[in-house]
Amino acid sequence: MTRHPGPRAPRRTASPVLLFLAALLALLPALSVLTAPGARAADGDPTVSLSKKEAGKGGEITVSGSGWRAEALLMLLICGQSTPERGVVGGTNSCANADGRAVTTDKKGAFSKKLPVTEPPKPCPCVVHVATVTGEQALADAVFTVAGHPTADLPEQTGDGKLAVLATTRLEGDSSLLTWFGAPPARRLVFTVGNLGSAPVKDPVFEIGTAHGVYAPQWEERQWRGTVAPGAKAQIKLPVELSAGAHGDYQVSLRYGQKVLAEQPWGVGRPWGVTLFWVLLCLVVPAAVFRIGMAVVDKVRPRPAGSHRTRTPATRRRPKRRGRTGAGADRDVTTTPGATNEATINAATTTDATTDATTAVLPWFTPDSAPSENRPRPTTKGQA
């Protein structure tokens, strides 16, 4: 018998609602990870926690942090006149810089470091200020109370005034001749600000930061004397100065409050005068030492025999007399082949001495004009 296939049953398709529910269940683990407490640290937001919220001078606390850049160098400071909301009012001048500590984060961006408790130069409220030293700037503050330290209210804010840079910043000024020999380079940072708020800003305090290479900016406060009315603008010039002998590429930053308003590059030339000075020093000093050494050697070296004797004035040499034959003629001293050198020298010396004794005359007389007893005396007038 042949079996004929019957009609096929209709295929059931999945409902769109079921597919949506399945996808939602698959995404639940990922959503739970995103809403976990550690998500903020994973995003890279730096956090700081303290082992104690209050301690007296001479104590010690442990500062821990997470969410920082991996293997970043951080500076830990206790600062007065500060809050996490307003930051460190007055910059690092309000911090105990001499008793700060440095720490390097691990590969996960976490750290833990003990910090001694000292009194900052400004009154509390105080914070533990943590900031990066190199690379991209990042900072965080944690509330801390120094027991026994004075407390004062924070300085009043300037109101609802809000400053913003309206034009491109520039650096004015030229380097002097002293800068070529290592003097600190100096410029003026010129920029135009406008008050976008509803209240005037009086005597604003800016911060000028200078950074070289990968290092974080070193901030210094600069106060401008004047008032910027609401809706008005003003041109501001602030001095910028680097350290002595500085050269290379620098980055000048302008900050007002906690906001960086502008950045300006600055290329500083090398102080070639210092290089020229060291080159000349390396040439002149060895030459002077060599001259002094040669003079000392010339003074202390031994002299050859007879070079220090006093030389006698030279005597007039008489021409050599030719030998004559006869009884009274001088004869040349000759030596036989068997005679010694000493005998020859003695004979020559004796002959010269005898000749000098015989022919020596006064220098102002000649043999023909010398006075003689046999010559008649001249007669004078009136004598016979």
Protein backbone atom coordinates (compact mmCIF):
# COMPACT_ATOMS: atom_id res chain seq x y z
CA MET A 1 0.00 0.00 0.00
CA THR A 2 1.13 3.39 -0.83
CA ARG A 3 0.81 5.98 1.86
CA HIS A 4 -0.18 9.38 0.60
CA PRO A 5 0.97 12.35 2.59
CA GLY A 6 -1.77 14.33 4.19
CA PRO A 7 -2.03 18.09 4.38
CA ARG A 8 0.79 19.83 6.30
CA ALA A 9 0.03 21.63 9.51
CA PRO A 10 0.54 25.39 9.43
CA ARG A 11 3.97 26.63 10.89
CA ARG A 12 3.71 28.75 13.97
CA THR A 13 5.67 32.06 13.90
CA ALA A 14 7.03 33.78 16.97
CA SER A 15 5.09 36.75 18.20
CA PRO A 16 6.87 40.18 18.04
CA VAL A 17 6.06 40.66 21.70
CA LEU A 18 7.96 37.51 22.62
CA LEU A 19 10.95 38.61 20.57
CA PHE A 20 11.01 41.98 22.34
CA LEU A 21 10.86 40.30 25.76
CA ALA A 22 13.72 37.95 24.84
CA ALA A 23 15.89 40.83 23.69
CA LEU A 24 15.11 42.75 26.88
CA LEU A 25 16.11 39.80 29.04
CA ALA A 26 19.39 39.53 27.13
CA LEU A 27 20.17 43.22 27.78
CA LEU A 28 19.44 43.10 31.51
CA PRO A 29 23.02 42.05 32.48
CA ALA A 30 24.49 44.90 30.48
CA LEU A 31 22.06 47.39 32.04
CA SER A 32 22.94 46.18 35.51
CA VAL A 33 26.62 46.75 34.79
CA LEU A 34 25.98 50.30 33.60
CA THR A 35 23.96 51.18 36.69
CA ALA A 36 26.41 49.66 39.16
CA PRO A 37 28.11 51.95 41.71
CA GLY A 38 31.48 51.44 40.09
CA ALA A 39 30.32 52.79 36.74
CA ARG A 40 31.44 56.33 37.57
CA ALA A 41 34.96 55.17 38.32
CA ALA A 42 35.01 53.16 35.09
CA ASP A 43 34.09 56.29 33.13
CA GLY A 44 37.26 57.97 34.47
CA ASP A 45 35.80 60.52 36.93
CA PRO A 46 38.36 60.90 39.75
CA THR A 47 37.20 60.31 43.31
CA VAL A 48 38.89 60.82 46.69
CA SER A 49 38.08 59.28 50.08
CA LEU A 50 39.64 59.85 53.52
CA SER A 51 40.17 57.50 56.43
CA LYS A 52 39.23 60.34 58.86
CA LYS A 53 37.14 63.44 58.38
CA GLU A 54 38.86 65.31 61.22
CA ALA A 55 42.32 65.15 62.81
CA GLY A 56 44.66 67.46 64.69
CA LYS A 57 48.08 68.77 63.76
CA GLY A 58 50.72 66.04 63.95
CA GLY A 59 48.29 63.25 63.12
CA GLU A 60 48.06 61.20 59.96
CA ILE A 61 45.29 60.19 57.57
CA THR A 62 45.08 57.80 54.64
CA VAL A 63 43.97 59.25 51.30
CA SER A 64 42.55 56.82 48.75
CA GLY A 65 41.30 57.43 45.24
CA SER A 66 40.01 55.74 42.10
CA GLY A 67 39.01 56.66 38.58
CA TRP A 68 42.28 58.48 37.87
CA ARG A 69 44.44 58.06 34.81
CA ALA A 70 46.63 54.95 34.94
CA GLU A 71 50.18 55.52 36.23
CA ALA A 72 49.62 59.23 36.75
CA LEU A 73 51.64 61.35 39.20
CA LEU A 74 49.40 63.06 41.77
CA MET A 75 50.01 65.69 44.46
CA LEU A 76 48.17 65.50 47.81
CA LEU A 77 47.74 68.76 49.78
CA ILE A 78 45.74 70.05 52.74
CA CYS A 79 44.27 73.41 51.74
CA GLY A 80 42.41 76.05 53.72
CA GLN A 81 39.75 78.50 52.58
CA SER A 82 38.34 75.83 50.26
CA THR A 83 35.26 73.73 49.58
CA PRO A 84 34.58 71.04 46.96
CA GLU A 85 31.96 73.32 45.38
CA ARG A 86 34.12 76.45 45.00
CA GLY A 87 37.47 74.72 44.85
CA VAL A 88 40.66 76.08 46.38
CA VAL A 89 40.14 79.82 46.72
CA GLY A 90 43.46 81.56 46.16
CA GLY A 91 45.16 78.62 44.47
CA THR A 92 47.94 76.64 46.06
CA ASN A 93 48.87 79.66 48.18
CA SER A 94 46.12 78.46 50.52
CA CYS A 95 47.70 74.98 50.88
CA ALA A 96 50.40 73.50 53.10
CA ASN A 97 52.78 72.92 50.19
CA ALA A 98 55.81 72.01 52.31
CA ASP A 99 54.05 68.98 53.82
CA GLY A 100 52.38 67.64 50.68
CA ARG A 101 52.88 64.13 49.35
CA ALA A 102 53.22 62.68 45.85
CA VAL A 103 51.81 59.37 44.71
CA THR A 104 51.58 57.42 41.44
CA THR A 105 48.39 55.60 40.51
CA ASP A 106 48.42 51.93 39.53
CA LYS A 107 47.34 50.46 36.19
CA LYS A 108 43.68 50.69 37.25
CA GLY A 109 43.92 54.36 38.22
CA ALA A 110 43.70 53.79 42.00
CA PHE A 111 46.01 54.88 44.81
CA SER A 112 46.36 54.93 48.60
CA LYS A 113 48.78 57.21 50.46
CA LYS A 114 49.31 58.39 54.04
CA LEU A 115 49.29 62.17 54.49
CA PRO A 116 50.49 64.01 57.61
CA VAL A 117 48.05 66.52 59.07
CA THR A 118 49.38 70.10 59.10
CA GLU A 119 47.76 73.50 59.43
CA PRO A 120 47.35 75.34 56.11
CA PRO A 121 48.21 79.05 55.85
CA LYS A 122 44.51 79.96 55.44
CA PRO A 123 41.68 79.28 57.92
CA CYS A 124 39.19 76.46 57.43
CA PRO A 125 36.88 75.25 55.87
CA CYS A 126 39.58 72.90 54.58
CA VAL A 127 39.85 70.16 52.00
CA VAL A 128 42.32 67.51 50.91
CA HIS A 129 43.21 68.63 47.41
CA VAL A 130 44.38 65.99 44.91
CA ALA A 131 45.56 67.07 41.44
CA THR A 132 47.64 65.67 38.60
CA VAL A 133 51.19 66.90 38.12
CA THR A 134 51.84 65.69 34.57
CA GLY A 135 49.65 65.14 31.55
CA GLU A 136 46.00 66.12 31.28
CA GLN A 137 44.81 68.13 34.25
CA ALA A 138 42.41 66.49 36.69
CA LEU A 139 41.57 67.31 40.32
CA ALA A 140 39.27 66.35 43.18
CA ASP A 141 38.64 67.68 46.69
CA ALA A 142 37.43 65.96 49.85
CA VAL A 143 36.10 67.83 52.92
CA PHE A 144 38.49 67.69 55.89
CA THR A 145 38.67 69.50 59.24
CA VAL A 146 41.94 70.34 60.97
CA ALA A 147 41.18 70.24 64.70
CA GLY A 148 42.21 73.40 66.51
CA HIS A 149 42.73 75.40 63.31
CA PRO A 150 40.91 78.77 62.96
CA THR A 151 37.74 78.89 60.91
CA ALA A 152 36.48 81.80 58.80
CA ASP A 153 33.88 82.44 56.16
CA LEU A 154 34.85 82.16 52.53
CA PRO A 155 35.44 85.39 50.59
CA GLU A 156 32.34 86.77 48.99
CA GLN A 157 31.89 86.09 45.33
CA THR A 158 31.75 88.95 42.88
CA GLY A 159 28.02 88.35 42.25
CA ASP A 160 26.37 87.08 39.14
CA GLY A 161 29.07 88.47 36.87
CA LYS A 162 30.50 86.07 34.34
CA LEU A 163 33.62 86.78 32.30
CA ALA A 164 34.36 85.30 28.89
CA VAL A 165 37.15 85.88 26.39
CA LEU A 166 35.82 87.68 23.31
CA ALA A 167 38.96 87.85 21.12
CA THR A 168 42.05 85.83 20.38
CA THR A 169 44.79 86.14 22.99
CA ARG A 170 48.32 87.18 22.08
CA LEU A 171 51.70 87.69 23.69
CA GLU A 172 53.35 91.10 23.50
CA GLY A 173 56.95 92.07 24.14
CA ASP A 174 60.44 91.18 22.95
CA SER A 175 63.41 89.52 24.54
CA SER A 176 66.26 91.74 25.71
CA LEU A 177 69.99 91.17 25.41
CA LEU A 178 70.05 89.77 28.94
CA THR A 179 67.62 87.04 27.89
CA TRP A 180 70.25 85.89 25.37
CA PHE A 181 72.52 85.31 28.38
CA GLY A 182 69.96 83.38 30.48
CA ALA A 183 67.72 86.08 32.01
CA PRO A 184 64.07 85.05 32.60
CA PRO A 185 61.95 85.54 29.44
CA ALA A 186 58.97 87.84 30.02
CA ARG A 187 55.88 88.76 27.99
CA ARG A 188 52.44 90.30 28.46
CA LEU A 189 49.34 88.23 27.81
CA VAL A 190 46.79 90.48 26.10
CA PHE A 191 43.13 89.46 25.83
CA THR A 192 39.66 91.01 25.77
CA VAL A 193 36.96 89.86 28.17
CA GLY A 194 33.26 90.60 28.34
CA ASN A 195 30.88 90.43 31.30
CA LEU A 196 28.01 88.15 30.32
CA GLY A 197 26.36 88.30 33.76
CA SER A 198 23.98 90.69 35.42
CA ALA A 199 26.36 92.09 38.08
CA PRO A 200 29.64 94.00 37.72
CA VAL A 201 32.94 92.21 38.23
CA LYS A 202 35.40 94.24 40.31
CA ASP A 203 39.14 93.55 40.48
CA PRO A 204 38.96 90.00 39.06
CA VAL A 205 41.73 87.57 39.98
CA PHE A 206 43.01 85.49 37.06
CA GLU A 207 45.45 82.60 37.07
CA ILE A 208 48.27 82.30 34.53
CA GLY A 209 49.61 78.80 33.95
CA THR A 210 52.82 77.91 32.09
CA ALA A 211 53.39 74.33 30.94
CA HIS A 212 56.46 72.84 29.25
CA GLY A 213 56.22 69.55 27.42
CA VAL A 214 54.02 66.95 29.10
CA TYR A 215 54.05 68.65 32.51
CA ALA A 216 50.93 70.20 33.99
CA PRO A 217 50.70 74.01 34.14
CA GLN A 218 52.19 75.85 37.07
CA TRP A 219 49.55 78.41 38.09
CA GLU A 220 50.23 81.89 39.45
CA GLU A 221 47.64 84.47 40.46
CA ARG A 222 47.41 87.79 38.63
CA GLN A 223 44.90 90.43 39.77
CA TRP A 224 43.59 93.04 37.37
CA ARG A 225 42.55 96.36 38.87
CA GLY A 226 39.30 97.58 37.40
CA THR A 227 35.59 96.91 37.02
CA VAL A 228 33.80 95.24 34.12
CA ALA A 229 30.17 96.35 34.00
CA PRO A 230 27.40 94.00 32.86
CA GLY A 231 27.44 93.75 29.08
CA ALA A 232 30.72 95.67 28.84
CA LYS A 233 34.12 94.51 27.71
CA ALA A 234 37.67 95.39 28.67
CA GLN A 235 41.17 94.71 27.39
CA ILE A 236 43.42 93.14 30.01
CA LYS A 237 47.21 92.77 30.01
CA LEU A 238 48.82 90.38 32.48
CA PRO A 239 52.58 89.75 32.89
CA VAL A 240 53.95 86.28 32.14
CA GLU A 241 57.46 85.28 33.21
CA LEU A 242 59.40 82.01 32.93
CA SER A 243 62.33 80.77 34.94
CA ALA A 244 65.92 81.76 34.15
CA GLY A 245 67.43 79.87 31.23
CA ALA A 246 64.06 78.56 30.02
CA HIS A 247 63.85 77.58 26.34
CA GLY A 248 61.68 75.41 24.12
CA ASP A 249 57.94 75.20 23.49
CA TYR A 250 55.67 76.46 26.28
CA GLN A 251 51.88 76.67 26.67
CA VAL A 252 50.43 79.70 28.45
CA SER A 253 46.92 79.16 29.89
CA LEU A 254 44.44 81.68 31.30
CA ARG A 255 42.02 80.55 34.02
CA TYR A 256 39.27 82.40 35.84
CA GLY A 257 37.70 80.52 38.71
CA GLN A 258 37.70 76.86 37.71
CA LYS A 259 37.38 77.47 33.97
CA VAL A 260 40.23 77.76 31.48
CA LEU A 261 39.40 80.71 29.22
CA ALA A 262 42.24 80.61 26.68
CA GLU A 263 45.55 78.98 25.77
CA GLN A 264 48.45 80.52 23.87
CA PRO A 265 51.64 78.76 22.59
CA TRP A 266 54.99 80.40 23.24
CA GLY A 267 58.24 79.34 21.59
CA VAL A 268 61.28 80.48 23.59
CA GLY A 269 64.69 80.53 21.90
CA ARG A 270 67.78 78.97 23.41
CA PRO A 271 70.07 81.38 25.37
CA TRP A 272 73.10 81.05 23.08
CA GLY A 273 75.05 83.58 25.13
CA VAL A 274 75.33 81.06 27.95
CA THR A 275 76.56 78.43 25.49
CA LEU A 276 79.15 80.85 24.10
CA PHE A 277 80.31 81.69 27.61
CA TRP A 278 80.91 78.04 28.47
CA VAL A 279 82.72 77.42 25.17
CA LEU A 280 85.06 80.35 25.81
CA LEU A 281 85.55 79.21 29.39
CA CYS A 282 86.54 75.73 28.19
CA LEU A 283 89.10 77.27 25.82
CA VAL A 284 90.58 80.04 27.97
CA VAL A 285 90.97 78.13 31.23
CA PRO A 286 92.95 75.19 29.74
CA ALA A 287 95.16 77.66 27.83
CA ALA A 288 95.89 79.63 31.01
CA VAL A 289 96.62 76.47 32.98
CA PHE A 290 98.95 75.30 30.20
CA ARG A 291 100.85 78.60 30.22
CA ILE A 292 101.22 78.55 34.00
CA GLY A 293 102.38 74.93 33.91
CA MET A 294 104.99 75.65 31.25
CA ALA A 295 106.29 78.60 33.30
CA VAL A 296 106.62 76.40 36.38
CA VAL A 297 108.39 73.69 34.40
CA ASP A 298 110.81 76.25 32.96
CA LYS A 299 111.66 77.44 36.48
CA VAL A 300 112.26 74.05 38.06
CA ARG A 301 113.92 72.12 35.22
CA PRO A 302 117.70 71.44 35.64
CA ARG A 303 120.15 73.63 33.70
CA PRO A 304 122.96 72.14 31.54
CA ALA A 305 126.52 72.35 32.95
CA GLY A 306 128.26 75.69 32.36
CA SER A 307 125.16 77.54 31.11
CA HIS A 308 124.93 79.65 34.30
CA ARG A 309 128.59 80.86 34.32
CA THR A 310 129.31 84.53 33.90
CA ARG A 311 130.66 85.30 30.50
CA THR A 312 133.85 87.42 30.44
CA PRO A 313 134.05 90.32 28.06
CA ALA A 314 135.50 89.34 24.73
CA THR A 315 139.14 90.35 24.13
CA ARG A 316 140.53 91.49 20.91
CA ARG A 317 141.99 88.64 19.02
CA ARG A 318 145.28 89.16 17.33
CA PRO A 319 145.72 87.79 13.84
CA LYS A 320 147.61 84.60 13.64
CA ARG A 321 151.25 85.25 12.98
CA ARG A 322 152.90 83.36 10.25
CA GLY A 323 155.87 81.29 11.19
CA ARG A 324 159.30 82.76 10.46
CA THR A 325 162.68 81.17 10.33
CA GLY A 326 165.37 82.71 12.42
CA ALA A 327 166.72 82.92 15.89
CA GLY A 328 164.09 85.25 17.35
CA ALA A 329 161.08 84.09 15.33
CA ASP A 330 158.03 82.57 16.93
CA ARG A 331 157.45 79.04 15.92
CA ASP A 332 154.17 77.29 15.72
CA VAL A 333 153.59 74.63 18.28
CA THR A 334 153.33 71.31 16.59
CA THR A 335 152.69 67.95 18.00
CA THR A 336 154.18 64.72 17.12
CA PRO A 337 151.94 61.85 16.14
CA GLY A 338 152.55 60.18 19.49
CA ALA A 339 151.77 63.23 21.68
CA THR A 340 148.67 63.27 23.86
CA ASN A 341 145.83 65.79 23.71
CA GLU A 342 146.68 67.16 27.14
CA ALA A 343 150.22 68.00 26.13
CA THR A 344 148.97 69.76 23.03
CA ILE A 345 146.53 71.89 25.04
CA ASN A 346 149.23 72.86 27.62
CA ALA A 347 151.66 73.84 24.91
CA ALA A 348 149.10 76.01 23.13
CA THR A 349 148.14 77.74 26.39
CA THR A 350 151.80 78.52 27.27
CA THR A 351 152.48 79.94 23.82
CA ASP A 352 149.43 82.23 23.94
CA ALA A 353 150.31 83.51 27.44
CA THR A 354 153.91 84.32 26.41
CA THR A 355 152.75 86.13 23.29
CA ASP A 356 150.20 88.20 25.20
CA ALA A 357 152.74 89.18 27.87
CA THR A 358 155.26 90.29 25.24
CA THR A 359 152.97 92.29 23.00
CA ALA A 360 150.57 93.78 25.57
CA VAL A 361 150.42 97.60 25.19
CA LEU A 362 148.19 100.32 26.47
CA PRO A 363 145.12 100.85 24.33
CA TRP A 364 145.70 104.60 23.78
CA PHE A 365 149.27 104.26 22.59
CA THR A 366 150.75 102.63 19.57
CA PRO A 367 154.27 101.20 19.52
CA ASP A 368 155.47 104.11 17.35
CA SER A 369 153.94 106.91 19.46
CA ALA A 370 154.86 105.64 22.94
CA PRO A 371 157.11 108.00 24.97
CA SER A 372 160.81 107.06 25.02
CA GLU A 373 163.78 108.34 26.97
CA ASN A 374 166.01 108.41 23.88
CA ARG A 375 163.71 110.77 21.97
CA PRO A 376 164.74 114.48 22.36
CA ARG A 377 162.41 116.74 24.24
CA PRO A 378 160.77 119.55 22.32
CA THR A 379 162.13 123.04 23.05
CA THR A 380 159.92 125.94 24.00
CA LYS A 381 160.24 129.52 22.98
CA GLY A 382 162.84 131.39 25.03
CA GLN A 383 164.94 128.35 25.86
CA ALA A 384 168.24 127.59 24.27
